[in-house]
Amino acid sequence: MQIHVVKSKIHRVKVTGADLNYIGSITIDEDLMEAANIIEGEKIQIVNNNNGERLETYVIPGPRNSGEITLNGAAARKVAKGDILILITYAMMSVEEAKAFKPSLVFPNDENLLA
């Protein structure tokens, strides 16, 4: 049996932009991606603490040490600049693998930067 488990989590980042005219995705500071073990193109769940919205899209890297968190395309309608998000990726693994697995958890500061 395979189960879904949390692989990566970036906890409480602030939306820095929303670009409705982009083709889709979320742009995340590459430093945050690296710290959370998230790769370009990976599927990601976005939880908006301000309005309760939950959506899925894929990740594209933003400039390092920029703190950028920009929702692109239709997802831009689900956020406002300044909203607080939790970003989560998942992995499939066996129950035995899951028992030993430790997810990458990242807690950025108020500017979306690593402390």
PDB file of N, CA and C in Angstrom:
ATOM      1  N   MET A   1       0.846  -1.174   0.000  1.00  0.00           N
ATOM      2  CA  MET A   1       0.000   0.000   0.000  1.00  0.00           C
ATOM      3  C   MET A   1       0.896   1.243   0.000  1.00  0.00           C
ATOM      4  N   GLN A   2       0.481   2.248  -0.746  1.00  0.00           N
ATOM      5  CA  GLN A   2       1.145   3.548  -0.786  1.00  0.00           C
ATOM      6  C   GLN A   2       0.214   4.584  -0.154  1.00  0.00           C
ATOM      7  N   ILE A   3       0.794   5.495   0.618  1.00  0.00           N
ATOM      8  CA  ILE A   3       0.004   6.571   1.223  1.00  0.00           C
ATOM      9  C   ILE A   3       0.645   7.925   0.903  1.00  0.00           C
ATOM     10  N   HIS A   4      -0.159   8.969   0.948  1.00  0.00           N
ATOM     11  CA  HIS A   4       0.344  10.334   0.787  1.00  0.00           C
ATOM     12  C   HIS A   4       0.784  10.859   2.144  1.00  0.00           C
ATOM     13  N   VAL A   5       1.986  11.428   2.214  1.00  0.00           N
ATOM     14  CA  VAL A   5       2.462  12.049   3.446  1.00  0.00           C
ATOM     15  C   VAL A   5       3.037  13.424   3.115  1.00  0.00           C
ATOM     16  N   VAL A   6       3.054  14.304   4.092  1.00  0.00           N
ATOM     17  CA  VAL A   6       3.651  15.627   3.900  1.00  0.00           C
ATOM     18  C   VAL A   6       5.136  15.457   3.615  1.00  0.00           C
ATOM     19  N   LYS A   7       5.590  16.019   2.503  1.00  0.00           N
ATOM     20  CA  LYS A   7       7.006  15.979   2.135  1.00  0.00           C
ATOM     21  C   LYS A   7       7.695  17.274   2.527  1.00  0.00           C
ATOM     22  N   SER A   8       7.002  18.388   2.269  1.00  0.00           N
ATOM     23  CA  SER A   8       7.577  19.718   2.489  1.00  0.00           C
ATOM     24  C   SER A   8       6.491  20.673   2.944  1.00  0.00           C
ATOM     25  N   LYS A   9       6.907  21.628   3.783  1.00  0.00           N
ATOM     26  CA  LYS A   9       5.951  22.642   4.227  1.00  0.00           C
ATOM     27  C   LYS A   9       6.697  23.950   4.444  1.00  0.00           C
ATOM     28  N   ILE A  10       6.174  25.001   3.822  1.00  0.00           N
ATOM     29  CA  ILE A  10       6.650  26.358   4.100  1.00  0.00           C
ATOM     30  C   ILE A  10       5.510  27.026   4.854  1.00  0.00           C
ATOM     31  N   HIS A  11       5.751  27.328   6.111  1.00  0.00           N
ATOM     32  CA  HIS A  11       4.689  27.755   7.024  1.00  0.00           C
ATOM     33  C   HIS A  11       4.632  29.273   7.154  1.00  0.00           C
ATOM     34  N   ARG A  12       3.476  29.841   6.845  1.00  0.00           N
ATOM     35  CA  ARG A  12       3.162  31.259   7.055  1.00  0.00           C
ATOM     36  C   ARG A  12       4.082  32.208   6.272  1.00  0.00           C
ATOM     37  N   VAL A  13       3.932  32.155   4.941  1.00  0.00           N
ATOM     38  CA  VAL A  13       4.588  33.143   4.089  1.00  0.00           C
ATOM     39  C   VAL A  13       3.547  34.151   3.630  1.00  0.00           C
ATOM     40  N   LYS A  14       4.018  35.330   3.311  1.00  0.00           N
ATOM     41  CA  LYS A  14       3.142  36.428   2.910  1.00  0.00           C
ATOM     42  C   LYS A  14       3.133  36.562   1.386  1.00  0.00           C
ATOM     43  N   VAL A  15       1.953  36.686   0.810  1.00  0.00           N
ATOM     44  CA  VAL A  15       1.831  36.896  -0.635  1.00  0.00           C
ATOM     45  C   VAL A  15       2.439  38.253  -0.991  1.00  0.00           C
ATOM     46  N   THR A  16       3.375  38.230  -1.943  1.00  0.00           N
ATOM     47  CA  THR A  16       4.011  39.480  -2.390  1.00  0.00           C
ATOM     48  C   THR A  16       3.452  39.957  -3.722  1.00  0.00           C
ATOM     49  N   GLY A  17       2.732  39.083  -4.434  1.00  0.00           N
ATOM     50  CA  GLY A  17       2.173  39.490  -5.716  1.00  0.00           C
ATOM     51  C   GLY A  17       1.139  38.511  -6.218  1.00  0.00           C
ATOM     52  N   ALA A  18       0.325  38.994  -7.157  1.00  0.00           N
ATOM     53  CA  ALA A  18      -0.689  38.178  -7.825  1.00  0.00           C
ATOM     54  C   ALA A  18      -0.761  38.658  -9.273  1.00  0.00           C
ATOM     55  N   ASP A  19      -0.420  37.774 -10.206  1.00  0.00           N
ATOM     56  CA  ASP A  19      -0.322  38.133 -11.618  1.00  0.00           C
ATOM     57  C   ASP A  19      -1.320  37.319 -12.429  1.00  0.00           C
ATOM     58  N   LEU A  20      -2.505  37.881 -12.615  1.00  0.00           N
ATOM     59  CA  LEU A  20      -3.589  37.188 -13.310  1.00  0.00           C
ATOM     60  C   LEU A  20      -3.215  36.852 -14.750  1.00  0.00           C
ATOM     61  N   ASN A  21      -2.386  37.640 -15.375  1.00  0.00           N
ATOM     62  CA  ASN A  21      -2.081  37.464 -16.796  1.00  0.00           C
ATOM     63  C   ASN A  21      -0.918  36.520 -17.069  1.00  0.00           C
ATOM     64  N   TYR A  22      -0.413  35.856 -16.051  1.00  0.00           N
ATOM     65  CA  TYR A  22       0.621  34.852 -16.245  1.00  0.00           C
ATOM     66  C   TYR A  22      -0.062  33.522 -16.523  1.00  0.00           C
ATOM     67  N   ILE A  23       0.636  32.577 -17.125  1.00  0.00           N
ATOM     68  CA  ILE A  23      -0.018  31.334 -17.562  1.00  0.00           C
ATOM     69  C   ILE A  23      -0.379  30.368 -16.435  1.00  0.00           C
ATOM     70  N   GLY A  24       0.098  30.583 -15.245  1.00  0.00           N
ATOM     71  CA  GLY A  24      -0.282  29.717 -14.123  1.00  0.00           C
ATOM     72  C   GLY A  24       0.887  29.408 -13.228  1.00  0.00           C
ATOM     73  N   SER A  25       0.634  28.992 -12.025  1.00  0.00           N
ATOM     74  CA  SER A  25       1.637  28.523 -11.076  1.00  0.00           C
ATOM     75  C   SER A  25       1.785  29.449  -9.882  1.00  0.00           C
ATOM     76  N   ILE A  26       2.760  29.117  -9.034  1.00  0.00           N
ATOM     77  CA  ILE A  26       3.167  29.976  -7.930  1.00  0.00           C
ATOM     78  C   ILE A  26       4.681  30.165  -8.045  1.00  0.00           C
ATOM     79  N   THR A  27       5.120  31.397  -7.920  1.00  0.00           N
ATOM     80  CA  THR A  27       6.542  31.711  -7.913  1.00  0.00           C
ATOM     81  C   THR A  27       6.989  31.794  -6.465  1.00  0.00           C
ATOM     82  N   ILE A  28       8.022  31.015  -6.125  1.00  0.00           N
ATOM     83  CA  ILE A  28       8.536  30.957  -4.754  1.00  0.00           C
ATOM     84  C   ILE A  28      10.032  31.251  -4.784  1.00  0.00           C
ATOM     85  N   ASP A  29      10.482  32.105  -3.872  1.00  0.00           N
ATOM     86  CA  ASP A  29      11.910  32.374  -3.687  1.00  0.00           C
ATOM     87  C   ASP A  29      12.664  31.042  -3.704  1.00  0.00           C
ATOM     88  N   GLU A  30      13.679  30.950  -4.564  1.00  0.00           N
ATOM     89  CA  GLU A  30      14.413  29.697  -4.722  1.00  0.00           C
ATOM     90  C   GLU A  30      15.104  29.245  -3.434  1.00  0.00           C
ATOM     91  N   ASP A  31      15.483  30.173  -2.572  1.00  0.00           N
ATOM     92  CA  ASP A  31      16.062  29.796  -1.283  1.00  0.00           C
ATOM     93  C   ASP A  31      15.054  29.030  -0.433  1.00  0.00           C
ATOM     94  N   LEU A  32      13.793  29.481  -0.448  1.00  0.00           N
ATOM     95  CA  LEU A  32      12.744  28.781   0.303  1.00  0.00           C
ATOM     96  C   LEU A  32      12.485  27.404  -0.300  1.00  0.00           C
ATOM     97  N   MET A  33      12.455  27.343  -1.644  1.00  0.00           N
ATOM     98  CA  MET A  33      12.253  26.062  -2.315  1.00  0.00           C
ATOM     99  C   MET A  33      13.327  25.063  -1.897  1.00  0.00           C
ATOM    100  N   GLU A  34      14.559  25.509  -1.940  1.00  0.00           N
ATOM    101  CA  GLU A  34      15.683  24.638  -1.607  1.00  0.00           C
ATOM    102  C   GLU A  34      15.606  24.171  -0.150  1.00  0.00           C
ATOM    103  N   ALA A  35      15.321  25.088   0.755  1.00  0.00           N
ATOM    104  CA  ALA A  35      15.237  24.740   2.180  1.00  0.00           C
ATOM    105  C   ALA A  35      14.126  23.733   2.451  1.00  0.00           C
ATOM    106  N   ALA A  36      13.048  23.825   1.672  1.00  0.00           N
ATOM    107  CA  ALA A  36      11.899  22.939   1.865  1.00  0.00           C
ATOM    108  C   ALA A  36      11.953  21.695   0.985  1.00  0.00           C
ATOM    109  N   ASN A  37      13.024  21.547   0.203  1.00  0.00           N
ATOM    110  CA  ASN A  37      13.159  20.393  -0.682  1.00  0.00           C
ATOM    111  C   ASN A  37      12.026  20.324  -1.702  1.00  0.00           C
ATOM    112  N   ILE A  38      11.696  21.472  -2.279  1.00  0.00           N
ATOM    113  CA  ILE A  38      10.677  21.578  -3.329  1.00  0.00           C
ATOM    114  C   ILE A  38      11.399  21.850  -4.643  1.00  0.00           C
ATOM    115  N   ILE A  39      10.993  21.153  -5.702  1.00  0.00           N
ATOM    116  CA  ILE A  39      11.652  21.345  -6.989  1.00  0.00           C
ATOM    117  C   ILE A  39      10.738  22.051  -7.990  1.00  0.00           C
ATOM    118  N   GLU A  40      11.364  22.645  -8.989  1.00  0.00           N
ATOM    119  CA  GLU A  40      10.627  23.337 -10.044  1.00  0.00           C
ATOM    120  C   GLU A  40       9.643  22.369 -10.701  1.00  0.00           C
ATOM    121  N   GLY A  41       8.423  22.832 -10.880  1.00  0.00           N
ATOM    122  CA  GLY A  41       7.385  22.025 -11.512  1.00  0.00           C
ATOM    123  C   GLY A  41       6.621  21.115 -10.570  1.00  0.00           C
ATOM    124  N   GLU A  42       7.033  21.049  -9.317  1.00  0.00           N
ATOM    125  CA  GLU A  42       6.367  20.164  -8.361  1.00  0.00           C
ATOM    126  C   GLU A  42       4.964  20.666  -8.042  1.00  0.00           C
ATOM    127  N   LYS A  43       4.035  19.726  -7.888  1.00  0.00           N
ATOM    128  CA  LYS A  43       2.668  20.053  -7.477  1.00  0.00           C
ATOM    129  C   LYS A  43       2.692  20.528  -6.031  1.00  0.00           C
ATOM    130  N   ILE A  44       1.919  21.579  -5.747  1.00  0.00           N
ATOM    131  CA  ILE A  44       1.908  22.154  -4.406  1.00  0.00           C
ATOM    132  C   ILE A  44       0.491  22.537  -4.014  1.00  0.00           C
ATOM    133  N   GLN A  45       0.172  22.324  -2.745  1.00  0.00           N
ATOM    134  CA  GLN A  45      -1.107  22.768  -2.191  1.00  0.00           C
ATOM    135  C   GLN A  45      -0.876  24.101  -1.498  1.00  0.00           C
ATOM    136  N   ILE A  46      -1.782  25.028  -1.744  1.00  0.00           N
ATOM    137  CA  ILE A  46      -1.706  26.368  -1.157  1.00  0.00           C
ATOM    138  C   ILE A  46      -2.916  26.537  -0.250  1.00  0.00           C
ATOM    139  N   VAL A  47      -2.667  26.866   1.006  1.00  0.00           N
ATOM    140  CA  VAL A  47      -3.726  27.095   1.984  1.00  0.00           C
ATOM    141  C   VAL A  47      -3.652  28.563   2.387  1.00  0.00           C
ATOM    142  N   ASN A  48      -4.720  29.302   2.145  1.00  0.00           N
ATOM    143  CA  ASN A  48      -4.750  30.730   2.456  1.00  0.00           C
ATOM    144  C   ASN A  48      -5.382  30.921   3.836  1.00  0.00           C
ATOM    145  N   ASN A  49      -4.580  31.357   4.799  1.00  0.00           N
ATOM    146  CA  ASN A  49      -5.086  31.555   6.163  1.00  0.00           C
ATOM    147  C   ASN A  49      -6.075  32.706   6.260  1.00  0.00           C
ATOM    148  N   ASN A  50      -6.022  33.647   5.324  1.00  0.00           N
ATOM    149  CA  ASN A  50      -6.895  34.813   5.396  1.00  0.00           C
ATOM    150  C   ASN A  50      -8.321  34.539   4.939  1.00  0.00           C
ATOM    151  N   ASN A  51      -8.492  33.685   3.927  1.00  0.00           N
ATOM    152  CA  ASN A  51      -9.840  33.482   3.399  1.00  0.00           C
ATOM    153  C   ASN A  51     -10.268  32.015   3.330  1.00  0.00           C
ATOM    154  N   GLY A  52      -9.407  31.094   3.766  1.00  0.00           N
ATOM    155  CA  GLY A  52      -9.762  29.682   3.789  1.00  0.00           C
ATOM    156  C   GLY A  52      -9.630  28.957   2.462  1.00  0.00           C
ATOM    157  N   GLU A  53      -9.246  29.646   1.403  1.00  0.00           N
ATOM    158  CA  GLU A  53      -9.088  29.004   0.092  1.00  0.00           C
ATOM    159  C   GLU A  53      -7.995  27.954   0.139  1.00  0.00           C
ATOM    160  N   ARG A  54      -8.224  26.874  -0.582  1.00  0.00           N
ATOM    161  CA  ARG A  54      -7.222  25.832  -0.786  1.00  0.00           C
ATOM    162  C   ARG A  54      -7.189  25.560  -2.280  1.00  0.00           C
ATOM    163  N   LEU A  55      -5.982  25.515  -2.834  1.00  0.00           N
ATOM    164  CA  LEU A  55      -5.856  25.234  -4.255  1.00  0.00           C
ATOM    165  C   LEU A  55      -4.546  24.517  -4.510  1.00  0.00           C
ATOM    166  N   GLU A  56      -4.441  23.951  -5.702  1.00  0.00           N
ATOM    167  CA  GLU A  56      -3.218  23.271  -6.108  1.00  0.00           C
ATOM    168  C   GLU A  56      -2.724  23.873  -7.405  1.00  0.00           C
ATOM    169  N   THR A  57      -1.421  23.931  -7.547  1.00  0.00           N
ATOM    170  CA  THR A  57      -0.780  24.393  -8.765  1.00  0.00           C
ATOM    171  C   THR A  57       0.612  23.781  -8.793  1.00  0.00           C
ATOM    172  N   TYR A  58       1.506  24.376  -9.572  1.00  0.00           N
ATOM    173  CA  TYR A  58       2.880  23.892  -9.625  1.00  0.00           C
ATOM    174  C   TYR A  58       3.823  25.047  -9.341  1.00  0.00           C
ATOM    175  N   VAL A  59       5.062  24.714  -8.993  1.00  0.00           N
ATOM    176  CA  VAL A  59       6.035  25.696  -8.510  1.00  0.00           C
ATOM    177  C   VAL A  59       6.987  26.133  -9.618  1.00  0.00           C
ATOM    178  N   ILE A  60       7.260  27.441  -9.656  1.00  0.00           N
ATOM    179  CA  ILE A  60       8.372  27.951 -10.460  1.00  0.00           C
ATOM    180  C   ILE A  60       9.266  28.774  -9.529  1.00  0.00           C
ATOM    181  N   PRO A  61      10.585  28.723  -9.760  1.00  0.00           N
ATOM    182  CA  PRO A  61      11.504  29.430  -8.867  1.00  0.00           C
ATOM    183  C   PRO A  61      11.505  30.934  -9.099  1.00  0.00           C
ATOM    184  N   GLY A  62      11.582  31.667  -8.003  1.00  0.00           N
ATOM    185  CA  GLY A  62      11.762  33.108  -8.038  1.00  0.00           C
ATOM    186  C   GLY A  62      13.178  33.454  -7.634  1.00  0.00           C
ATOM    187  N   PRO A  63      13.544  34.706  -7.753  1.00  0.00           N
ATOM    188  CA  PRO A  63      14.907  35.120  -7.401  1.00  0.00           C
ATOM    189  C   PRO A  63      15.251  34.763  -5.956  1.00  0.00           C
ATOM    190  N   ARG A  64      16.495  34.297  -5.781  1.00  0.00           N
ATOM    191  CA  ARG A  64      16.973  33.936  -4.448  1.00  0.00           C
ATOM    192  C   ARG A  64      16.998  35.156  -3.520  1.00  0.00           C
ATOM    193  N   ASN A  65      16.682  34.892  -2.252  1.00  0.00           N
ATOM    194  CA  ASN A  65      16.721  35.908  -1.200  1.00  0.00           C
ATOM    195  C   ASN A  65      15.821  37.113  -1.509  1.00  0.00           C
ATOM    196  N   SER A  66      14.775  36.872  -2.291  1.00  0.00           N
ATOM    197  CA  SER A  66      13.844  37.949  -2.651  1.00  0.00           C
ATOM    198  C   SER A  66      12.601  37.944  -1.772  1.00  0.00           C
ATOM    199  N   GLY A  67      12.292  36.783  -1.173  1.00  0.00           N
ATOM    200  CA  GLY A  67      11.057  36.649  -0.406  1.00  0.00           C
ATOM    201  C   GLY A  67       9.823  36.571  -1.289  1.00  0.00           C
ATOM    202  N   GLU A  68      10.019  36.395  -2.598  1.00  0.00           N
ATOM    203  CA  GLU A  68       8.873  36.409  -3.516  1.00  0.00           C
ATOM    204  C   GLU A  68       7.952  35.215  -3.321  1.00  0.00           C
ATOM    205  N   ILE A  69       6.673  35.523  -3.212  1.00  0.00           N
ATOM    206  CA  ILE A  69       5.589  34.544  -3.212  1.00  0.00           C
ATOM    207  C   ILE A  69       4.493  35.157  -4.084  1.00  0.00           C
ATOM    208  N   THR A  70       4.466  34.773  -5.355  1.00  0.00           N
ATOM    209  CA  THR A  70       3.510  35.349  -6.297  1.00  0.00           C
ATOM    210  C   THR A  70       2.616  34.261  -6.872  1.00  0.00           C
ATOM    211  N   LEU A  71       1.307  34.459  -6.773  1.00  0.00           N
ATOM    212  CA  LEU A  71       0.349  33.554  -7.384  1.00  0.00           C
ATOM    213  C   LEU A  71       0.083  34.045  -8.793  1.00  0.00           C
ATOM    214  N   ASN A  72       0.150  33.122  -9.747  1.00  0.00           N
ATOM    215  CA  ASN A  72       0.031  33.463 -11.159  1.00  0.00           C
ATOM    216  C   ASN A  72      -1.199  32.823 -11.779  1.00  0.00           C
ATOM    217  N   GLY A  73      -1.718  33.453 -12.833  1.00  0.00           N
ATOM    218  CA  GLY A  73      -2.865  32.910 -13.542  1.00  0.00           C
ATOM    219  C   GLY A  73      -4.120  32.959 -12.680  1.00  0.00           C
ATOM    220  N   ALA A  74      -4.997  31.981 -12.892  1.00  0.00           N
ATOM    221  CA  ALA A  74      -6.286  31.966 -12.190  1.00  0.00           C
ATOM    222  C   ALA A  74      -6.123  31.966 -10.675  1.00  0.00           C
ATOM    223  N   ALA A  75      -5.046  31.380 -10.164  1.00  0.00           N
ATOM    224  CA  ALA A  75      -4.811  31.343  -8.713  1.00  0.00           C
ATOM    225  C   ALA A  75      -4.691  32.744  -8.120  1.00  0.00           C
ATOM    226  N   ALA A  76      -4.329  33.718  -8.945  1.00  0.00           N
ATOM    227  CA  ALA A  76      -4.199  35.098  -8.469  1.00  0.00           C
ATOM    228  C   ALA A  76      -5.529  35.633  -7.939  1.00  0.00           C
ATOM    229  N   ARG A  77      -6.634  35.066  -8.396  1.00  0.00           N
ATOM    230  CA  ARG A  77      -7.956  35.499  -7.911  1.00  0.00           C
ATOM    231  C   ARG A  77      -8.270  34.964  -6.514  1.00  0.00           C
ATOM    232  N   LYS A  78      -7.470  34.035  -6.024  1.00  0.00           N
ATOM    233  CA  LYS A  78      -7.731  33.395  -4.737  1.00  0.00           C
ATOM    234  C   LYS A  78      -6.953  34.012  -3.584  1.00  0.00           C
ATOM    235  N   VAL A  79      -6.125  35.037  -3.881  1.00  0.00           N
ATOM    236  CA  VAL A  79      -5.287  35.664  -2.859  1.00  0.00           C
ATOM    237  C   VAL A  79      -5.304  37.176  -3.023  1.00  0.00           C
ATOM    238  N   ALA A  80      -4.858  37.846  -1.986  1.00  0.00           N
ATOM    239  CA  ALA A  80      -4.584  39.285  -2.035  1.00  0.00           C
ATOM    240  C   ALA A  80      -3.182  39.494  -1.507  1.00  0.00           C
ATOM    241  N   LYS A  81      -2.510  40.488  -2.025  1.00  0.00           N
ATOM    242  CA  LYS A  81      -1.174  40.804  -1.544  1.00  0.00           C
ATOM    243  C   LYS A  81      -1.243  40.984  -0.026  1.00  0.00           C
ATOM    244  N   GLY A  82      -0.325  40.338   0.679  1.00  0.00           N
ATOM    245  CA  GLY A  82      -0.305  40.402   2.139  1.00  0.00           C
ATOM    246  C   GLY A  82      -0.964  39.215   2.822  1.00  0.00           C
ATOM    247  N   ASP A  83      -1.751  38.408   2.083  1.00  0.00           N
ATOM    248  CA  ASP A  83      -2.351  37.212   2.680  1.00  0.00           C
ATOM    249  C   ASP A  83      -1.257  36.277   3.190  1.00  0.00           C
ATOM    250  N   ILE A  84      -1.582  35.520   4.220  1.00  0.00           N
ATOM    251  CA  ILE A  84      -0.655  34.552   4.799  1.00  0.00           C
ATOM    252  C   ILE A  84      -1.018  33.157   4.287  1.00  0.00           C
ATOM    253  N   LEU A  85      -0.005  32.464   3.746  1.00  0.00           N
ATOM    254  CA  LEU A  85      -0.207  31.149   3.155  1.00  0.00           C
ATOM    255  C   LEU A  85       0.608  30.077   3.863  1.00  0.00           C
ATOM    256  N   ILE A  86       0.123  28.862   3.765  1.00  0.00           N
ATOM    257  CA  ILE A  86       0.894  27.673   4.105  1.00  0.00           C
ATOM    258  C   ILE A  86       1.023  26.891   2.806  1.00  0.00           C
ATOM    259  N   LEU A  87       2.246  26.518   2.448  1.00  0.00           N
ATOM    260  CA  LEU A  87       2.533  25.811   1.203  1.00  0.00           C
ATOM    261  C   LEU A  87       2.973  24.389   1.538  1.00  0.00           C
ATOM    262  N   ILE A  88       2.311  23.397   0.933  1.00  0.00           N
ATOM    263  CA  ILE A  88       2.545  22.003   1.304  1.00  0.00           C
ATOM    264  C   ILE A  88       2.715  21.141   0.055  1.00  0.00           C
ATOM    265  N   THR A  89       3.734  20.285   0.059  1.00  0.00           N
ATOM    266  CA  THR A  89       3.854  19.249  -0.959  1.00  0.00           C
ATOM    267  C   THR A  89       3.762  17.894  -0.272  1.00  0.00           C
ATOM    268  N   TYR A  90       3.393  16.895  -1.049  1.00  0.00           N
ATOM    269  CA  TYR A  90       3.184  15.550  -0.522  1.00  0.00           C
ATOM    270  C   TYR A  90       3.989  14.548  -1.341  1.00  0.00           C
ATOM    271  N   ALA A  91       4.254  13.397  -0.773  1.00  0.00           N
ATOM    272  CA  ALA A  91       4.920  12.304  -1.474  1.00  0.00           C
ATOM    273  C   ALA A  91       4.164  11.009  -1.206  1.00  0.00           C
ATOM    274  N   MET A  92       4.253  10.100  -2.162  1.00  0.00           N
ATOM    275  CA  MET A  92       3.675   8.766  -1.999  1.00  0.00           C
ATOM    276  C   MET A  92       4.779   7.837  -1.512  1.00  0.00           C
ATOM    277  N   MET A  93       4.468   7.057  -0.493  1.00  0.00           N
ATOM    278  CA  MET A  93       5.431   6.072  -0.011  1.00  0.00           C
ATOM    279  C   MET A  93       4.702   4.974   0.736  1.00  0.00           C
ATOM    280  N   SER A  94       5.438   3.922   1.003  1.00  0.00           N
ATOM    281  CA  SER A  94       4.851   2.813   1.757  1.00  0.00           C
ATOM    282  C   SER A  94       4.641   3.257   3.204  1.00  0.00           C
ATOM    283  N   VAL A  95       3.806   2.540   3.896  1.00  0.00           N
ATOM    284  CA  VAL A  95       3.555   2.833   5.302  1.00  0.00           C
ATOM    285  C   VAL A  95       4.856   2.740   6.095  1.00  0.00           C
ATOM    286  N   GLU A  96       5.667   1.739   5.808  1.00  0.00           N
ATOM    287  CA  GLU A  96       6.933   1.578   6.524  1.00  0.00           C
ATOM    288  C   GLU A  96       7.874   2.751   6.249  1.00  0.00           C
ATOM    289  N   GLU A  97       7.972   3.187   4.981  1.00  0.00           N
ATOM    290  CA  GLU A  97       8.797   4.351   4.656  1.00  0.00           C
ATOM    291  C   GLU A  97       8.278   5.587   5.378  1.00  0.00           C
ATOM    292  N   ALA A  98       6.957   5.751   5.404  1.00  0.00           N
ATOM    293  CA  ALA A  98       6.341   6.922   6.017  1.00  0.00           C
ATOM    294  C   ALA A  98       6.635   6.999   7.516  1.00  0.00           C
ATOM    295  N   LYS A  99       6.707   5.867   8.164  1.00  0.00           N
ATOM    296  CA  LYS A  99       6.977   5.865   9.605  1.00  0.00           C
ATOM    297  C   LYS A  99       8.343   6.444   9.933  1.00  0.00           C
ATOM    298  N   ALA A 100       9.300   6.294   9.027  1.00  0.00           N
ATOM    299  CA  ALA A 100      10.663   6.787   9.260  1.00  0.00           C
ATOM    300  C   ALA A 100      10.936   8.131   8.592  1.00  0.00           C
ATOM    301  N   PHE A 101      10.051   8.565   7.714  1.00  0.00           N
ATOM    302  CA  PHE A 101      10.282   9.772   6.922  1.00  0.00           C
ATOM    303  C   PHE A 101      10.104  11.037   7.763  1.00  0.00           C
ATOM    304  N   LYS A 102      10.978  12.006   7.541  1.00  0.00           N
ATOM    305  CA  LYS A 102      10.882  13.306   8.214  1.00  0.00           C
ATOM    306  C   LYS A 102      10.719  14.387   7.137  1.00  0.00           C
ATOM    307  N   PRO A 103       9.614  15.117   7.153  1.00  0.00           N
ATOM    308  CA  PRO A 103       9.405  16.157   6.142  1.00  0.00           C
ATOM    309  C   PRO A 103      10.328  17.357   6.361  1.00  0.00           C
ATOM    310  N   SER A 104      10.501  18.133   5.313  1.00  0.00           N
ATOM    311  CA  SER A 104      11.253  19.393   5.397  1.00  0.00           C
ATOM    312  C   SER A 104      10.273  20.496   5.775  1.00  0.00           C
ATOM    313  N   LEU A 105      10.453  21.078   6.948  1.00  0.00           N
ATOM    314  CA  LEU A 105       9.570  22.132   7.450  1.00  0.00           C
ATOM    315  C   LEU A 105      10.358  23.430   7.516  1.00  0.00           C
ATOM    316  N   VAL A 106       9.810  24.488   6.907  1.00  0.00           N
ATOM    317  CA  VAL A 106      10.498  25.772   6.845  1.00  0.00           C
ATOM    318  C   VAL A 106       9.588  26.834   7.466  1.00  0.00           C
ATOM    319  N   PHE A 107      10.184  27.656   8.339  1.00  0.00           N
ATOM    320  CA  PHE A 107       9.454  28.709   9.035  1.00  0.00           C
ATOM    321  C   PHE A 107      10.136  30.044   8.741  1.00  0.00           C
ATOM    322  N   PRO A 108       9.793  30.684   7.621  1.00  0.00           N
ATOM    323  CA  PRO A 108      10.443  31.954   7.255  1.00  0.00           C
ATOM    324  C   PRO A 108      10.071  33.081   8.213  1.00  0.00           C
ATOM    325  N   ASN A 109      10.849  34.164   8.151  1.00  0.00           N
ATOM    326  CA  ASN A 109      10.527  35.338   8.967  1.00  0.00           C
ATOM    327  C   ASN A 109       9.421  36.167   8.295  1.00  0.00           C
ATOM    328  N   ASP A 110       9.108  37.327   8.824  1.00  0.00           N
ATOM    329  CA  ASP A 110       8.011  38.162   8.318  1.00  0.00           C
ATOM    330  C   ASP A 110       8.245  38.710   6.929  1.00  0.00           C
ATOM    331  N   GLU A 111       9.488  38.633   6.426  1.00  0.00           N
ATOM    332  CA  GLU A 111       9.803  39.087   5.071  1.00  0.00           C
ATOM    333  C   GLU A 111       9.943  37.895   4.119  1.00  0.00           C
ATOM    334  N   ASN A 112       9.463  36.718   4.534  1.00  0.00           N
ATOM    335  CA  ASN A 112       9.551  35.494   3.736  1.00  0.00           C
ATOM    336  C   ASN A 112      10.989  35.043   3.506  1.00  0.00           C
ATOM    337  N   LEU A 113      11.883  35.394   4.400  1.00  0.00           N
ATOM    338  CA  LEU A 113      13.287  35.009   4.255  1.00  0.00           C
ATOM    339  C   LEU A 113      13.667  34.009   5.326  1.00  0.00           C
ATOM    340  N   LEU A 114      14.700  33.233   5.044  1.00  0.00           N
ATOM    341  CA  LEU A 114      15.202  32.276   6.031  1.00  0.00           C
ATOM    342  C   LEU A 114      15.948  33.022   7.106  1.00  0.00           C
ATOM    343  N   ALA A 115      15.766  32.612   8.355  1.00  0.00           N
ATOM    344  CA  ALA A 115      16.434  33.283   9.473  1.00  0.00           C
ATOM    345  C   ALA A 115      17.887  32.906   9.564  1.00  0.00           C
TER     346      ALA A 115
END
